[in-house]
Amino acid sequence: MTLPAAWNLTGHTALVTGAGSPTGIGFASARSLGHLGAAVAITGTTARIHDRVDELRELGINARGFVARLETAALAGELGAALAVASVVPNILVNNAGMVAVDDAEMLSG
């Protein structure tokens, strides 16, 4: 299928955060961007992100994975440093990280 020029992401690199779940929005976004031609750098909070990288690569998508937590500026800076060391320069961002679990005690005290 030939894509309109605006949809062709060849030569672009997407950073997709929160892509560790095989059924989540982050991984689906990374897969879609990869199918459009973008290289993808994906993050997750655990080593399972490397399983997602393997799945993307099996689809022919150029993918790199990074275990990263992003709750603070310092942690986000660590991801930035890791991207720089790996020579990954994203020009597309899917800022998907941000799931929060709250229990009743936190809700009552907050």
Protein backbone atom coordinates (compact mmCIF):
# COMPACT_ATOMS: atom_id res chain seq x y z
CA MET A 1 0.00 0.00 0.00
CA THR A 2 1.31 3.45 -0.88
CA LEU A 3 0.87 6.00 1.87
CA PRO A 4 0.34 9.73 1.38
CA ALA A 5 3.61 11.59 1.94
CA ALA A 6 2.35 13.05 5.23
CA TRP A 7 1.86 9.52 6.61
CA ASN A 8 5.29 8.24 5.60
CA LEU A 9 7.48 8.37 8.72
CA THR A 10 10.59 6.90 7.15
CA GLY A 11 13.61 8.71 8.56
CA HIS A 12 11.81 9.68 11.75
CA THR A 13 12.33 8.27 15.24
CA ALA A 14 9.49 8.01 17.74
CA LEU A 15 9.92 7.81 21.50
CA VAL A 16 6.93 6.02 23.02
CA THR A 17 6.75 5.90 26.80
CA GLY A 18 4.67 3.39 28.71
CA ALA A 19 4.93 0.66 26.09
CA GLY A 20 5.62 -2.34 28.33
CA SER A 21 2.20 -3.97 28.19
CA PRO A 22 1.56 -6.14 25.13
CA THR A 23 -2.08 -4.96 25.09
CA GLY A 24 -1.62 -1.30 25.97
CA ILE A 25 -1.92 1.97 24.09
CA GLY A 26 1.85 2.61 24.19
CA PHE A 27 2.76 -0.64 22.47
CA ALA A 28 -0.05 -0.22 19.92
CA SER A 29 1.22 3.29 19.19
CA ALA A 30 4.78 2.05 18.72
CA ARG A 31 3.61 -0.72 16.40
CA SER A 32 1.54 1.72 14.31
CA LEU A 33 4.36 4.26 14.05
CA GLY A 34 6.75 1.48 13.08
CA HIS A 35 4.40 0.26 10.37
CA LEU A 36 4.39 3.83 9.03
CA GLY A 37 8.17 3.65 8.73
CA ALA A 38 9.43 5.27 11.92
CA ALA A 39 12.17 3.77 14.04
CA VAL A 40 10.81 3.44 17.57
CA ALA A 41 12.39 3.77 20.99
CA ILE A 42 10.04 2.41 23.64
CA THR A 43 10.11 2.62 27.41
CA GLY A 44 8.62 0.59 30.20
CA THR A 45 9.27 0.31 33.90
CA THR A 46 10.49 -3.29 33.78
CA ALA A 47 12.65 -5.53 31.64
CA ARG A 48 9.52 -6.79 29.85
CA ILE A 49 10.09 -3.85 27.51
CA HIS A 50 12.69 -6.02 25.79
CA ASP A 51 9.97 -8.57 24.97
CA ARG A 52 8.04 -5.75 23.23
CA VAL A 53 11.20 -4.81 21.30
CA ASP A 54 11.54 -8.41 20.12
CA GLU A 55 7.89 -8.42 18.99
CA LEU A 56 8.37 -5.19 17.03
CA ARG A 57 11.54 -6.46 15.41
CA GLU A 58 9.73 -9.65 14.35
CA LEU A 59 7.38 -7.33 12.45
CA GLY A 60 10.34 -5.72 10.70
CA ILE A 61 10.26 -2.56 12.81
CA ASN A 62 13.51 -0.89 13.85
CA ALA A 63 13.06 -0.84 17.65
CA ARG A 64 15.10 -0.10 20.77
CA GLY A 65 13.92 -0.52 24.36
CA PHE A 66 14.78 1.32 27.55
CA VAL A 67 13.80 0.47 31.10
CA ALA A 68 12.87 3.83 32.56
CA ARG A 69 10.79 5.39 35.29
CA LEU A 70 9.64 8.92 34.57
CA GLU A 71 8.04 10.19 37.78
CA THR A 72 10.57 12.97 38.33
CA ALA A 73 12.64 15.34 36.23
CA ALA A 74 15.78 13.54 37.39
CA LEU A 75 14.46 10.16 36.20
CA ALA A 76 13.38 11.66 32.87
CA GLY A 77 16.90 13.08 32.59
CA GLU A 78 18.31 9.59 33.04
CA LEU A 79 16.25 8.44 30.06
CA GLY A 80 17.53 11.40 28.07
CA ALA A 81 21.10 10.44 28.91
CA ALA A 82 20.48 6.80 27.94
CA LEU A 83 18.99 7.91 24.62
CA ALA A 84 22.03 10.10 23.96
CA VAL A 85 24.45 7.26 24.73
CA ALA A 86 22.52 5.04 22.30
CA SER A 87 22.51 7.83 19.66
CA VAL A 88 18.71 7.84 19.61
CA VAL A 89 17.34 11.27 18.67
CA PRO A 90 13.56 11.19 18.63
CA ASN A 91 11.54 13.73 16.68
CA ILE A 92 8.16 12.18 17.54
CA LEU A 93 6.93 11.75 21.12
CA VAL A 94 4.06 9.67 22.42
CA ASN A 95 3.98 10.59 26.10
CA ASN A 96 1.93 7.61 27.22
CA ALA A 97 3.48 6.92 30.65
CA GLY A 98 1.39 7.81 33.65
CA MET A 99 -0.68 4.98 35.10
CA VAL A 100 -1.41 5.60 38.76
CA ALA A 101 -2.75 3.09 41.25
CA VAL A 102 -4.52 4.54 44.26
CA ASP A 103 -5.91 2.61 47.21
CA ASP A 104 -8.68 3.73 49.57
CA ALA A 105 -6.23 4.85 52.29
CA GLU A 106 -4.52 7.24 49.89
CA MET A 107 -7.84 8.60 48.70
CA LEU A 108 -9.00 9.29 52.26
CA SER A 109 -5.78 10.97 53.35
CA GLY A 110 -5.23 12.95 50.14
